């Protein structure tokens, strides 16, 4: 509904996010992004910590220097299964109190099709999607935090954690 009522706002916001994620995905831009996000008005974190996260070059705590350049990615294409995982974590930590219809809410928030159209218009390559759009009736089981997440069963995923908000 937001997109239909505010097409220009959606276009400007999605364009800004797509341009930022495309730039952040470039290895040579990672240090600049870390430094830009570090100040108190954004993440309020030490720049060196963010640089380690974004560049994938970090000490492992055992005296070794790890080099994992693909440690983090900025996939700009929102998908419903990713949305269900985000919503499941909001539920797990008590930000969502009531029971919700995960697929319906995720489809309303994570606008995969509209974003894919905008990416094509911007001549950006669509990413290889590890998270599927649930409208294709495909429910991938993903490994997140060492646990299997099935978008069709978000409550079961949350119940498997010993630590959660009560």
N, C-alpha and C. Protein backbone atom coordinates (compact mmCIF):
# COMPACT_ATOMS: atom_id res chain seq x y z
N UNK A 1 0.82 -1.18 0.00
CA UNK A 1 0.00 0.00 0.00
C UNK A 1 0.87 1.26 0.00
N UNK A 2 1.94 1.24 0.79
CA UNK A 2 2.84 2.39 0.85
C UNK A 2 3.36 2.74 -0.54
N UNK A 3 3.77 1.70 -1.27
CA UNK A 3 4.33 1.92 -2.61
C UNK A 3 3.29 2.55 -3.52
N UNK A 4 2.05 2.06 -3.43
CA UNK A 4 1.00 2.60 -4.28
C UNK A 4 0.67 4.04 -3.93
N UNK A 5 0.69 4.38 -2.65
CA UNK A 5 0.34 5.73 -2.22
C UNK A 5 1.52 6.69 -2.30
N UNK A 6 2.74 6.18 -2.28
CA UNK A 6 3.94 7.01 -2.27
C UNK A 6 4.99 6.50 -3.24
N UNK A 7 4.65 6.40 -4.52
CA UNK A 7 5.61 5.80 -5.46
C UNK A 7 6.92 6.58 -5.57
N UNK A 8 6.88 7.89 -5.48
CA UNK A 8 8.12 8.67 -5.58
C UNK A 8 8.99 8.47 -4.35
N UNK A 9 8.37 8.44 -3.18
CA UNK A 9 9.13 8.21 -1.95
C UNK A 9 9.78 6.84 -1.99
N UNK A 10 9.03 5.83 -2.39
CA UNK A 10 9.59 4.48 -2.49
C UNK A 10 10.75 4.46 -3.47
N UNK A 11 10.59 5.12 -4.61
CA UNK A 11 11.64 5.13 -5.63
C UNK A 11 12.91 5.78 -5.09
N UNK A 12 12.79 6.90 -4.41
CA UNK A 12 13.95 7.60 -3.87
C UNK A 12 14.62 6.76 -2.78
N UNK A 13 13.83 6.21 -1.86
CA UNK A 13 14.41 5.40 -0.78
C UNK A 13 15.07 4.13 -1.31
N UNK A 14 14.38 3.44 -2.20
CA UNK A 14 14.96 2.20 -2.72
C UNK A 14 16.22 2.49 -3.54
N UNK A 15 16.22 3.57 -4.29
CA UNK A 15 17.41 3.94 -5.06
C UNK A 15 18.58 4.23 -4.13
N UNK A 16 18.33 4.96 -3.06
CA UNK A 16 19.40 5.28 -2.11
C UNK A 16 19.96 4.01 -1.47
N UNK A 17 19.09 3.11 -1.07
CA UNK A 17 19.55 1.85 -0.46
C UNK A 17 20.33 1.02 -1.47
N UNK A 18 19.83 0.93 -2.68
CA UNK A 18 20.51 0.13 -3.71
C UNK A 18 21.87 0.72 -4.06
N UNK A 19 21.96 2.03 -4.17
CA UNK A 19 23.26 2.65 -4.45
C UNK A 19 24.23 2.43 -3.30
N UNK A 20 23.75 2.58 -2.08
CA UNK A 20 24.62 2.39 -0.91
C UNK A 20 25.09 0.95 -0.78
N UNK A 21 24.19 -0.01 -0.97
CA UNK A 21 24.60 -1.40 -0.83
C UNK A 21 25.55 -1.82 -1.95
N UNK A 22 25.33 -1.31 -3.16
CA UNK A 22 26.25 -1.63 -4.26
C UNK A 22 27.65 -1.09 -3.95
N UNK A 23 27.72 0.10 -3.39
CA UNK A 23 29.01 0.68 -3.04
C UNK A 23 29.63 -0.07 -1.86
N UNK A 24 28.84 -0.39 -0.86
CA UNK A 24 29.35 -1.09 0.33
C UNK A 24 29.84 -2.49 0.00
N UNK A 25 29.34 -3.07 -1.06
CA UNK A 25 29.75 -4.42 -1.46
C UNK A 25 31.16 -4.43 -2.03
N UNK A 26 31.67 -3.28 -2.46
CA UNK A 26 33.00 -3.20 -3.05
C UNK A 26 34.07 -3.26 -1.95
N UNK A 27 35.01 -4.19 -2.04
CA UNK A 27 36.04 -4.31 -1.00
C UNK A 27 36.79 -3.01 -0.74
N UNK A 28 37.04 -2.23 -1.79
CA UNK A 28 37.80 -1.00 -1.61
C UNK A 28 37.01 0.10 -0.89
N UNK A 29 35.72 -0.11 -0.69
CA UNK A 29 34.89 0.87 0.01
C UNK A 29 34.62 0.51 1.47
N UNK A 30 35.03 -0.67 1.89
CA UNK A 30 34.68 -1.16 3.22
C UNK A 30 35.22 -0.29 4.36
N UNK A 31 36.47 0.16 4.26
CA UNK A 31 37.05 0.98 5.33
C UNK A 31 36.30 2.30 5.43
N UNK A 32 35.99 2.91 4.30
CA UNK A 32 35.25 4.17 4.30
C UNK A 32 33.86 3.99 4.92
N UNK A 33 33.19 2.88 4.62
CA UNK A 33 31.88 2.62 5.21
C UNK A 33 32.00 2.41 6.72
N UNK A 34 33.01 1.69 7.15
CA UNK A 34 33.22 1.47 8.59
C UNK A 34 33.40 2.80 9.29
N UNK A 35 34.25 3.65 8.74
CA UNK A 35 34.52 4.95 9.36
C UNK A 35 33.27 5.84 9.36
N UNK A 36 32.47 5.75 8.31
CA UNK A 36 31.25 6.57 8.23
C UNK A 36 30.18 6.10 9.22
N UNK A 37 30.13 4.79 9.51
CA UNK A 37 29.10 4.25 10.40
C UNK A 37 29.50 4.28 11.87
N UNK A 38 30.77 4.49 12.18
CA UNK A 38 31.28 4.40 13.54
C UNK A 38 30.78 5.48 14.50
N UNK A 39 30.60 6.74 14.09
CA UNK A 39 30.28 7.79 15.05
C UNK A 39 29.01 7.53 15.87
N UNK A 40 28.91 8.26 16.97
CA UNK A 40 27.80 8.10 17.91
C UNK A 40 26.43 8.30 17.27
N UNK A 41 26.34 9.15 16.28
CA UNK A 41 25.03 9.38 15.66
C UNK A 41 24.60 8.24 14.74
N UNK A 42 25.47 7.23 14.54
CA UNK A 42 25.10 6.04 13.78
C UNK A 42 25.21 4.80 14.67
N UNK A 43 26.32 4.09 14.61
CA UNK A 43 26.46 2.86 15.39
C UNK A 43 27.16 3.04 16.74
N UNK A 44 27.86 4.16 16.91
CA UNK A 44 28.56 4.45 18.17
C UNK A 44 29.50 3.30 18.55
N UNK A 45 30.34 2.92 17.60
CA UNK A 45 31.27 1.82 17.80
C UNK A 45 32.68 2.25 17.41
N UNK A 46 33.70 1.60 17.97
CA UNK A 46 35.07 1.93 17.57
C UNK A 46 35.27 1.63 16.08
N UNK A 47 35.83 2.57 15.33
CA UNK A 47 36.02 2.35 13.89
C UNK A 47 36.83 1.09 13.58
N UNK A 48 37.84 0.79 14.41
CA UNK A 48 38.67 -0.39 14.11
C UNK A 48 37.88 -1.69 14.19
N UNK A 49 36.88 -1.74 15.06
CA UNK A 49 36.04 -2.93 15.16
C UNK A 49 35.20 -3.07 13.89
N UNK A 50 34.59 -1.97 13.46
CA UNK A 50 33.79 -2.02 12.24
C UNK A 50 34.64 -2.33 11.03
N UNK A 51 35.86 -1.81 10.99
CA UNK A 51 36.77 -2.12 9.87
C UNK A 51 37.04 -3.62 9.81
N UNK A 52 37.26 -4.22 10.98
CA UNK A 52 37.52 -5.67 11.02
C UNK A 52 36.31 -6.46 10.52
N UNK A 53 35.13 -6.03 10.93
CA UNK A 53 33.91 -6.73 10.50
C UNK A 53 33.73 -6.60 8.99
N UNK A 54 33.86 -5.38 8.49
CA UNK A 54 33.56 -5.12 7.08
C UNK A 54 34.64 -5.59 6.12
N UNK A 55 35.90 -5.57 6.54
CA UNK A 55 36.97 -6.02 5.65
C UNK A 55 37.21 -7.52 5.77
N UNK A 56 36.81 -8.11 6.89
CA UNK A 56 37.05 -9.53 7.11
C UNK A 56 38.48 -9.82 7.53
N UNK A 57 39.21 -8.81 7.95
CA UNK A 57 40.58 -8.99 8.46
C UNK A 57 40.54 -8.68 9.95
N UNK A 58 40.68 -9.72 10.77
CA UNK A 58 40.49 -9.55 12.21
C UNK A 58 41.28 -10.58 13.00
N UNK A 59 41.66 -10.24 14.25
CA UNK A 59 42.33 -11.22 15.10
C UNK A 59 41.29 -12.21 15.62
N UNK A 60 41.68 -13.49 15.69
CA UNK A 60 40.72 -14.50 16.12
C UNK A 60 40.73 -14.75 17.62
N UNK A 61 41.54 -13.99 18.35
CA UNK A 61 41.60 -14.17 19.80
C UNK A 61 42.58 -15.24 20.23
N UNK A 62 43.16 -15.94 19.27
CA UNK A 62 44.12 -17.00 19.57
C UNK A 62 45.51 -16.65 19.03
N UNK A 63 45.70 -15.38 18.70
CA UNK A 63 46.98 -14.93 18.17
C UNK A 63 47.11 -15.00 16.66
N UNK A 64 46.05 -15.35 15.99
CA UNK A 64 46.07 -15.46 14.53
C UNK A 64 45.31 -14.30 13.91
N UNK A 65 45.70 -13.93 12.71
CA UNK A 65 44.98 -12.92 11.95
C UNK A 65 44.18 -13.63 10.87
N UNK A 66 42.88 -13.49 10.95
CA UNK A 66 41.98 -14.12 9.97
C UNK A 66 41.79 -13.18 8.79
N UNK A 67 41.66 -13.76 7.60
CA UNK A 67 41.36 -13.02 6.38
C UNK A 67 40.17 -13.71 5.71
N UNK A 68 39.00 -13.15 5.92
CA UNK A 68 37.76 -13.70 5.38
C UNK A 68 37.04 -12.57 4.64
N UNK A 69 37.46 -12.29 3.39
CA UNK A 69 36.92 -11.12 2.68
C UNK A 69 35.41 -11.17 2.44
N UNK A 70 34.83 -12.35 2.41
CA UNK A 70 33.38 -12.44 2.18
C UNK A 70 32.62 -12.70 3.49
N UNK A 71 33.20 -12.25 4.60
CA UNK A 71 32.60 -12.44 5.92
C UNK A 71 31.22 -11.80 6.02
N UNK A 72 31.04 -10.70 5.33
CA UNK A 72 29.76 -9.99 5.38
C UNK A 72 29.41 -9.54 3.97
N UNK A 73 28.12 -9.47 3.71
CA UNK A 73 27.68 -9.04 2.39
C UNK A 73 26.52 -8.07 2.57
N UNK A 74 26.34 -7.23 1.60
CA UNK A 74 25.26 -6.25 1.61
C UNK A 74 24.29 -6.59 0.48
N UNK A 75 23.58 -7.70 0.62
CA UNK A 75 22.63 -8.09 -0.40
C UNK A 75 21.43 -7.14 -0.34
N UNK A 76 21.20 -6.38 -1.40
CA UNK A 76 20.15 -5.37 -1.35
C UNK A 76 18.75 -5.88 -1.61
N UNK A 77 18.61 -7.12 -2.02
CA UNK A 77 17.30 -7.62 -2.42
C UNK A 77 16.58 -8.24 -1.22
N UNK A 78 15.56 -7.57 -0.69
CA UNK A 78 14.84 -8.13 0.46
C UNK A 78 13.96 -9.29 0.01
N UNK A 79 13.93 -10.33 0.80
CA UNK A 79 13.09 -11.48 0.46
C UNK A 79 12.20 -11.81 1.65
N UNK A 80 11.08 -12.47 1.36
CA UNK A 80 10.14 -12.78 2.43
C UNK A 80 10.73 -13.75 3.46
N UNK A 81 11.56 -14.70 3.02
CA UNK A 81 12.13 -15.62 4.00
C UNK A 81 13.10 -14.89 4.93
N UNK A 82 13.84 -13.91 4.38
CA UNK A 82 14.69 -13.10 5.24
C UNK A 82 13.82 -12.29 6.21
N UNK A 83 12.72 -11.76 5.69
CA UNK A 83 11.78 -11.01 6.53
C UNK A 83 11.21 -11.86 7.64
N UNK A 84 10.89 -13.10 7.34
CA UNK A 84 10.37 -14.00 8.38
C UNK A 84 11.43 -14.23 9.45
N UNK A 85 12.69 -14.39 9.04
CA UNK A 85 13.75 -14.57 10.04
C UNK A 85 13.86 -13.33 10.91
N UNK A 86 13.86 -12.13 10.31
CA UNK A 86 13.95 -10.89 11.09
C UNK A 86 12.77 -10.80 12.05
N UNK A 87 11.57 -11.06 11.57
CA UNK A 87 10.39 -11.03 12.43
C UNK A 87 10.48 -12.07 13.54
N UNK A 88 11.03 -13.25 13.22
CA UNK A 88 11.16 -14.29 14.26
C UNK A 88 12.09 -13.83 15.37
N UNK A 89 13.13 -13.07 15.01
CA UNK A 89 14.05 -12.57 16.03
C UNK A 89 13.40 -11.44 16.84
N UNK A 90 12.59 -10.64 16.20
CA UNK A 90 11.85 -9.61 16.94
C UNK A 90 10.89 -10.26 17.94
N UNK A 91 10.29 -11.37 17.54
CA UNK A 91 9.41 -12.12 18.43
C UNK A 91 10.23 -12.77 19.55
N UNK A 92 11.36 -13.36 19.20
CA UNK A 92 12.22 -14.03 20.18
C UNK A 92 12.65 -13.09 21.28
N UNK A 93 12.97 -11.84 20.93
CA UNK A 93 13.48 -10.88 21.91
C UNK A 93 12.40 -9.97 22.49
N UNK A 94 11.13 -10.28 22.21
CA UNK A 94 10.04 -9.58 22.87
C UNK A 94 9.60 -8.27 22.24
N UNK A 95 10.10 -7.95 21.05
CA UNK A 95 9.68 -6.72 20.39
C UNK A 95 8.31 -6.88 19.73
N UNK A 96 7.96 -8.11 19.43
CA UNK A 96 6.62 -8.42 18.94
C UNK A 96 5.98 -9.28 20.01
N UNK A 97 4.90 -8.80 20.59
CA UNK A 97 4.26 -9.51 21.70
C UNK A 97 3.20 -10.51 21.22
N UNK A 98 2.41 -10.08 20.24
CA UNK A 98 1.29 -10.89 19.80
C UNK A 98 1.72 -11.92 18.75
N UNK A 99 0.87 -12.90 18.51
CA UNK A 99 1.12 -13.84 17.43
C UNK A 99 0.87 -13.11 16.11
N UNK A 100 1.73 -13.41 15.14
CA UNK A 100 1.57 -12.76 13.84
C UNK A 100 1.60 -13.81 12.73
N UNK A 101 1.07 -13.43 11.61
CA UNK A 101 1.12 -14.25 10.41
C UNK A 101 2.42 -13.85 9.69
N UNK A 102 3.49 -14.57 9.97
CA UNK A 102 4.82 -14.21 9.46
C UNK A 102 4.86 -13.99 7.94
N UNK A 103 4.37 -14.92 7.13
CA UNK A 103 4.46 -14.72 5.67
C UNK A 103 3.71 -13.47 5.19
N UNK A 104 2.56 -13.19 5.78
CA UNK A 104 1.78 -12.02 5.36
C UNK A 104 2.50 -10.73 5.71
N UNK A 105 2.99 -10.64 6.94
CA UNK A 105 3.69 -9.43 7.37
C UNK A 105 4.99 -9.25 6.58
N UNK A 106 5.73 -10.33 6.37
CA UNK A 106 6.98 -10.25 5.62
C UNK A 106 6.73 -9.80 4.18
N UNK A 107 5.65 -10.28 3.57
CA UNK A 107 5.34 -9.88 2.20
C UNK A 107 4.97 -8.41 2.12
N UNK A 108 4.35 -7.88 3.18
CA UNK A 108 3.98 -6.47 3.20
C UNK A 108 5.19 -5.57 3.38
N UNK A 109 6.21 -6.05 4.08
CA UNK A 109 7.37 -5.23 4.40
C UNK A 109 8.51 -5.43 3.41
N UNK A 110 8.82 -6.66 3.07
CA UNK A 110 9.96 -6.98 2.22
C UNK A 110 9.48 -7.07 0.78
N UNK A 111 9.67 -6.01 0.03
CA UNK A 111 9.12 -5.86 -1.30
C UNK A 111 10.11 -6.34 -2.37
N UNK A 112 10.30 -7.64 -2.46
CA UNK A 112 11.28 -8.21 -3.38
C UNK A 112 11.03 -7.83 -4.83
N UNK A 113 9.80 -7.98 -5.28
CA UNK A 113 9.51 -7.74 -6.69
C UNK A 113 9.75 -6.28 -7.06
N UNK A 114 9.29 -5.35 -6.24
CA UNK A 114 9.48 -3.93 -6.54
C UNK A 114 10.96 -3.56 -6.52
N UNK A 115 11.70 -4.13 -5.59
CA UNK A 115 13.13 -3.85 -5.52
C UNK A 115 13.86 -4.44 -6.72
N UNK A 116 13.48 -5.63 -7.14
CA UNK A 116 14.12 -6.26 -8.31
C UNK A 116 13.88 -5.41 -9.56
N UNK A 117 12.68 -4.87 -9.71
CA UNK A 117 12.38 -4.00 -10.85
C UNK A 117 13.29 -2.77 -10.81
N UNK A 118 13.43 -2.16 -9.62
CA UNK A 118 14.26 -0.96 -9.51
C UNK A 118 15.73 -1.30 -9.80
N UNK A 119 16.19 -2.46 -9.35
CA UNK A 119 17.57 -2.86 -9.63
C UNK A 119 17.80 -3.00 -11.13
N UNK A 120 16.85 -3.61 -11.82
CA UNK A 120 16.99 -3.74 -13.28
C UNK A 120 17.00 -2.36 -13.94
N UNK A 121 16.15 -1.46 -13.47
CA UNK A 121 16.13 -0.10 -14.03
C UNK A 121 17.47 0.61 -13.81
N UNK A 122 18.12 0.30 -12.69
CA UNK A 122 19.41 0.92 -12.38
C UNK A 122 20.56 0.14 -13.01
N UNK A 123 20.23 -0.89 -13.77
CA UNK A 123 21.21 -1.76 -14.42
C UNK A 123 22.13 -2.42 -13.41
N UNK A 124 21.56 -2.80 -12.28
CA UNK A 124 22.30 -3.55 -11.27
C UNK A 124 21.98 -5.03 -11.45
N UNK A 125 22.98 -5.83 -11.22
CA UNK A 125 22.80 -7.27 -11.33
C UNK A 125 22.06 -7.79 -10.10
N UNK A 126 21.05 -8.60 -10.33
CA UNK A 126 20.34 -9.21 -9.20
C UNK A 126 21.28 -10.21 -8.53
N UNK A 127 21.33 -10.21 -7.20
CA UNK A 127 22.24 -11.12 -6.51
C UNK A 127 21.75 -12.56 -6.60
N UNK A 128 22.70 -13.47 -6.46
CA UNK A 128 22.31 -14.88 -6.33
C UNK A 128 21.59 -14.98 -5.00
N UNK A 129 20.35 -15.39 -5.04
CA UNK A 129 19.52 -15.34 -3.84
C UNK A 129 19.64 -16.63 -3.04
N UNK A 130 20.08 -16.46 -1.80
CA UNK A 130 20.15 -17.58 -0.88
C UNK A 130 18.85 -17.62 -0.08
N UNK A 131 18.19 -16.48 0.04
CA UNK A 131 16.90 -16.37 0.71
C UNK A 131 15.85 -16.27 -0.37
N UNK A 132 14.85 -17.11 -0.34
CA UNK A 132 13.86 -17.13 -1.41
C UNK A 132 12.64 -16.28 -1.08
N UNK A 133 12.00 -15.82 -2.13
CA UNK A 133 10.73 -15.14 -2.04
C UNK A 133 9.69 -16.26 -1.86
N UNK A 134 8.94 -16.20 -0.78
CA UNK A 134 8.01 -17.28 -0.48
C UNK A 134 6.84 -17.36 -1.44
N UNK A 135 6.69 -16.36 -2.31
CA UNK A 135 5.59 -16.44 -3.27
C UNK A 135 5.82 -17.55 -4.29
N UNK A 136 7.06 -18.07 -4.37
CA UNK A 136 7.30 -19.17 -5.31
C UNK A 136 7.07 -20.54 -4.67
N UNK A 137 6.49 -20.53 -3.47
CA UNK A 137 6.16 -21.75 -2.72
C UNK A 137 7.39 -22.60 -2.40
N UNK A 138 8.53 -21.99 -2.41
CA UNK A 138 9.76 -22.70 -2.06
C UNK A 138 10.19 -22.21 -0.68
N UNK A 139 10.32 -23.13 0.23
CA UNK A 139 10.71 -22.78 1.59
C UNK A 139 12.08 -23.38 1.87
N UNK A 140 13.15 -22.64 1.59
CA UNK A 140 14.48 -23.19 1.84
C UNK A 140 14.76 -23.29 3.33
N UNK A 141 15.49 -24.30 3.70
CA UNK A 141 15.94 -24.43 5.07
C UNK A 141 17.36 -23.89 5.08
N UNK A 142 17.60 -22.87 5.89
CA UNK A 142 18.88 -22.18 5.91
C UNK A 142 19.62 -22.43 7.21
N UNK A 143 20.92 -22.36 7.14
CA UNK A 143 21.75 -22.50 8.33
C UNK A 143 22.10 -21.10 8.83
N UNK A 144 21.54 -20.72 9.97
CA UNK A 144 21.79 -19.41 10.56
C UNK A 144 22.20 -19.63 12.01
N UNK A 145 23.35 -19.09 12.37
CA UNK A 145 23.88 -19.26 13.72
C UNK A 145 24.03 -20.74 14.07
N UNK A 146 24.36 -21.55 13.08
CA UNK A 146 24.58 -22.97 13.34
C UNK A 146 23.31 -23.76 13.57
N UNK A 147 22.17 -23.15 13.28
CA UNK A 147 20.89 -23.84 13.45
C UNK A 147 20.12 -23.76 12.14
N UNK A 148 19.31 -24.74 11.89
CA UNK A 148 18.51 -24.76 10.67
C UNK A 148 17.27 -23.88 10.86
N UNK A 149 17.07 -22.96 9.92
CA UNK A 149 15.89 -22.08 9.94
C UNK A 149 15.03 -22.42 8.75
N UNK A 150 13.80 -22.81 9.02
CA UNK A 150 12.82 -23.07 7.98
C UNK A 150 11.78 -21.95 8.06
N UNK A 151 11.66 -21.11 7.02
CA UNK A 151 10.70 -20.01 7.07
C UNK A 151 9.26 -20.47 7.32
N UNK A 152 8.97 -21.73 7.07
CA UNK A 152 7.63 -22.24 7.32
C UNK A 152 7.41 -22.53 8.80
N UNK A 153 8.50 -22.54 9.60
CA UNK A 153 8.39 -22.87 11.03
C UNK A 153 9.26 -21.95 11.89
N UNK A 154 9.00 -20.64 11.87
CA UNK A 154 9.86 -19.73 12.63
C UNK A 154 9.79 -19.96 14.14
N UNK A 155 8.64 -20.36 14.67
CA UNK A 155 8.52 -20.58 16.11
C UNK A 155 9.41 -21.75 16.55
N UNK A 156 9.48 -22.79 15.75
CA UNK A 156 10.34 -23.94 16.09
C UNK A 156 11.80 -23.53 16.15
N UNK A 157 12.22 -22.66 15.25
CA UNK A 157 13.59 -22.16 15.25
C UNK A 157 13.87 -21.42 16.56
N UNK A 158 12.97 -20.52 16.94
CA UNK A 158 13.17 -19.76 18.17
C UNK A 158 13.17 -20.64 19.41
N UNK A 159 12.32 -21.64 19.44
CA UNK A 159 12.24 -22.51 20.61
C UNK A 159 13.53 -23.29 20.86
N UNK A 160 14.32 -23.47 19.82
CA UNK A 160 15.56 -24.22 19.95
C UNK A 160 16.68 -23.48 20.65
N UNK A 161 16.51 -22.19 20.93
CA UNK A 161 17.55 -21.42 21.60
C UNK A 161 17.34 -21.43 23.10
N UNK A 162 18.42 -21.65 23.83
CA UNK A 162 18.35 -21.61 25.27
C UNK A 162 18.17 -20.17 25.77
N UNK A 163 18.75 -19.23 25.04
CA UNK A 163 18.68 -17.82 25.45
C UNK A 163 17.61 -17.11 24.64
N UNK A 164 16.66 -16.53 25.34
CA UNK A 164 15.62 -15.75 24.70
C UNK A 164 14.97 -14.87 25.76
N UNK A 165 14.28 -13.88 25.32
CA UNK A 165 13.60 -12.99 26.26
C UNK A 165 12.32 -13.68 26.72
N UNK A 166 12.02 -13.57 28.00
CA UNK A 166 10.81 -14.21 28.52
C UNK A 166 9.76 -13.18 28.84
